[in-house]
Amino acid sequence: MADDPGSRPKLRRMKGRHWLGGVCAGIGYWLAVPTWLVRLLWTVTVLAYGLGAVLYILLWIFMPVWDQVPENYEERAGG
């Protein structure tokens, strides 16, 4: 995790907070926005353009995963 409270944590998938691969939960935590909002925007992107599905699969494959859910996940991403 980040040592400085103002710095952004590493971009990683969430283990234990996922619906599919944990990509949206990880992005929500990284951006400090609610996970449901990231999932909604991702769904719109998939339905509108189709490119989101390919990007999601690539991120699922190549994005590293957290060993456990970070302690401040609920306050940062809102679960």
C-alpha atoms as a PDB file:
ATOM      1  CA  MET A   1       0.000   0.000   0.000  1.00  0.00           C
ATOM      2  CA  ALA A   2       0.977   3.629  -0.142  1.00  0.00           C
ATOM      3  CA  ASP A   3       3.131   5.021   2.624  1.00  0.00           C
ATOM      4  CA  ASP A   4       1.955   8.606   2.135  1.00  0.00           C
ATOM      5  CA  PRO A   5      -1.786   9.194   2.775  1.00  0.00           C
ATOM      6  CA  GLY A   6      -2.001  11.516  -0.246  1.00  0.00           C
ATOM      7  CA  SER A   7      -0.349   9.140  -2.699  1.00  0.00           C
ATOM      8  CA  ARG A   8      -2.206   6.721  -4.942  1.00  0.00           C
ATOM      9  CA  PRO A   9      -1.864   2.969  -4.240  1.00  0.00           C
ATOM     10  CA  LYS A  10      -0.640   0.518  -6.856  1.00  0.00           C
ATOM     11  CA  LEU A  11      -3.096  -0.566  -9.540  1.00  0.00           C
ATOM     12  CA  ARG A  12      -3.996  -4.181  -8.777  1.00  0.00           C
ATOM     13  CA  ARG A  13      -6.997  -6.483  -9.002  1.00  0.00           C
ATOM     14  CA  MET A  14      -8.948  -7.236  -5.825  1.00  0.00           C
ATOM     15  CA  LYS A  15      -9.054 -10.745  -4.461  1.00  0.00           C
ATOM     16  CA  GLY A  16     -12.237 -11.292  -2.482  1.00  0.00           C
ATOM     17  CA  ARG A  17     -14.104  -8.199  -3.749  1.00  0.00           C
ATOM     18  CA  HIS A  18     -14.742  -9.308  -7.289  1.00  0.00           C
ATOM     19  CA  TRP A  19     -17.688 -10.305  -9.431  1.00  0.00           C
ATOM     20  CA  LEU A  20     -15.568 -11.651 -12.255  1.00  0.00           C
ATOM     21  CA  GLY A  21     -11.879 -10.906 -12.046  1.00  0.00           C
ATOM     22  CA  GLY A  22     -11.655  -8.043  -9.548  1.00  0.00           C
ATOM     23  CA  VAL A  23     -10.591  -5.531 -12.210  1.00  0.00           C
ATOM     24  CA  CYS A  24     -13.353  -2.969 -11.510  1.00  0.00           C
ATOM     25  CA  ALA A  25     -12.853  -3.252  -7.744  1.00  0.00           C
ATOM     26  CA  GLY A  26      -9.134  -2.651  -8.203  1.00  0.00           C
ATOM     27  CA  ILE A  27      -9.701   0.348 -10.466  1.00  0.00           C
ATOM     28  CA  GLY A  28     -12.269   1.764  -8.029  1.00  0.00           C
ATOM     29  CA  TYR A  29      -9.786   1.443  -5.184  1.00  0.00           C
ATOM     30  CA  TRP A  30      -6.982   2.954  -7.260  1.00  0.00           C
ATOM     31  CA  LEU A  31      -9.100   5.949  -8.332  1.00  0.00           C
ATOM     32  CA  ALA A  32     -10.856   6.267  -4.943  1.00  0.00           C
ATOM     33  CA  VAL A  33     -14.320   6.090  -6.530  1.00  0.00           C
ATOM     34  CA  PRO A  34     -17.149   3.704  -5.622  1.00  0.00           C
ATOM     35  CA  THR A  35     -16.763   0.284  -7.186  1.00  0.00           C
ATOM     36  CA  TRP A  36     -20.399   0.250  -8.330  1.00  0.00           C
ATOM     37  CA  LEU A  37     -19.717   3.371 -10.403  1.00  0.00           C
ATOM     38  CA  VAL A  38     -16.718   1.766 -12.114  1.00  0.00           C
ATOM     39  CA  ARG A  39     -18.801  -1.350 -12.835  1.00  0.00           C
ATOM     40  CA  LEU A  40     -21.635   0.759 -14.255  1.00  0.00           C
ATOM     41  CA  LEU A  41     -19.315   2.757 -16.519  1.00  0.00           C
ATOM     42  CA  TRP A  42     -17.557  -0.426 -17.624  1.00  0.00           C
ATOM     43  CA  THR A  43     -20.893  -2.061 -18.489  1.00  0.00           C
ATOM     44  CA  VAL A  44     -21.945   0.966 -20.545  1.00  0.00           C
ATOM     45  CA  THR A  45     -18.610   0.853 -22.371  1.00  0.00           C
ATOM     46  CA  VAL A  46     -19.013  -2.850 -23.114  1.00  0.00           C
ATOM     47  CA  LEU A  47     -22.583  -2.445 -24.358  1.00  0.00           C
ATOM     48  CA  ALA A  48     -21.909   0.694 -26.377  1.00  0.00           C
ATOM     49  CA  TYR A  49     -18.557  -0.069 -27.964  1.00  0.00           C
ATOM     50  CA  GLY A  50     -17.612  -3.665 -27.175  1.00  0.00           C
ATOM     51  CA  LEU A  51     -13.998  -2.647 -26.637  1.00  0.00           C
ATOM     52  CA  GLY A  52     -14.448  -2.722 -22.859  1.00  0.00           C
ATOM     53  CA  ALA A  53     -14.798  -6.509 -22.898  1.00  0.00           C
ATOM     54  CA  VAL A  54     -11.466  -6.977 -24.637  1.00  0.00           C
ATOM     55  CA  LEU A  55      -9.778  -4.475 -22.325  1.00  0.00           C
ATOM     56  CA  TYR A  56     -11.294  -6.157 -19.244  1.00  0.00           C
ATOM     57  CA  ILE A  57      -9.962  -9.558 -20.305  1.00  0.00           C
ATOM     58  CA  LEU A  58      -6.492  -8.120 -20.943  1.00  0.00           C
ATOM     59  CA  LEU A  59      -6.466  -6.384 -17.558  1.00  0.00           C
ATOM     60  CA  TRP A  60      -7.701  -9.574 -15.882  1.00  0.00           C
ATOM     61  CA  ILE A  61      -4.756 -11.444 -17.381  1.00  0.00           C
ATOM     62  CA  PHE A  62      -1.987  -8.882 -16.919  1.00  0.00           C
ATOM     63  CA  MET A  63      -2.972  -6.832 -13.831  1.00  0.00           C
ATOM     64  CA  PRO A  64      -1.331  -8.142 -10.640  1.00  0.00           C
ATOM     65  CA  VAL A  65      -3.601  -9.141  -7.767  1.00  0.00           C
ATOM     66  CA  TRP A  66      -3.594  -7.992  -4.132  1.00  0.00           C
ATOM     67  CA  ASP A  67      -2.811 -10.838  -1.721  1.00  0.00           C
ATOM     68  CA  GLN A  68      -5.659  -9.633   0.481  1.00  0.00           C
ATOM     69  CA  VAL A  69      -8.177  -6.789   0.488  1.00  0.00           C
ATOM     70  CA  PRO A  70      -6.460  -3.592   1.719  1.00  0.00           C
ATOM     71  CA  GLU A  71      -7.570  -2.340   5.127  1.00  0.00           C
ATOM     72  CA  ASN A  72      -8.869   0.980   3.814  1.00  0.00           C
ATOM     73  CA  TYR A  73     -10.779  -0.490   0.839  1.00  0.00           C
ATOM     74  CA  GLU A  74     -14.245   0.370   2.227  1.00  0.00           C
ATOM     75  CA  GLU A  75     -13.416   4.042   2.846  1.00  0.00           C
ATOM     76  CA  ARG A  76     -11.555   4.435  -0.461  1.00  0.00           C
ATOM     77  CA  ALA A  77     -13.778   2.545  -2.919  1.00  0.00           C
ATOM     78  CA  GLY A  78     -17.012   2.146  -0.984  1.00  0.00           C
ATOM     79  CA  GLY A  79     -17.273  -1.564  -1.643  1.00  0.00           C
END
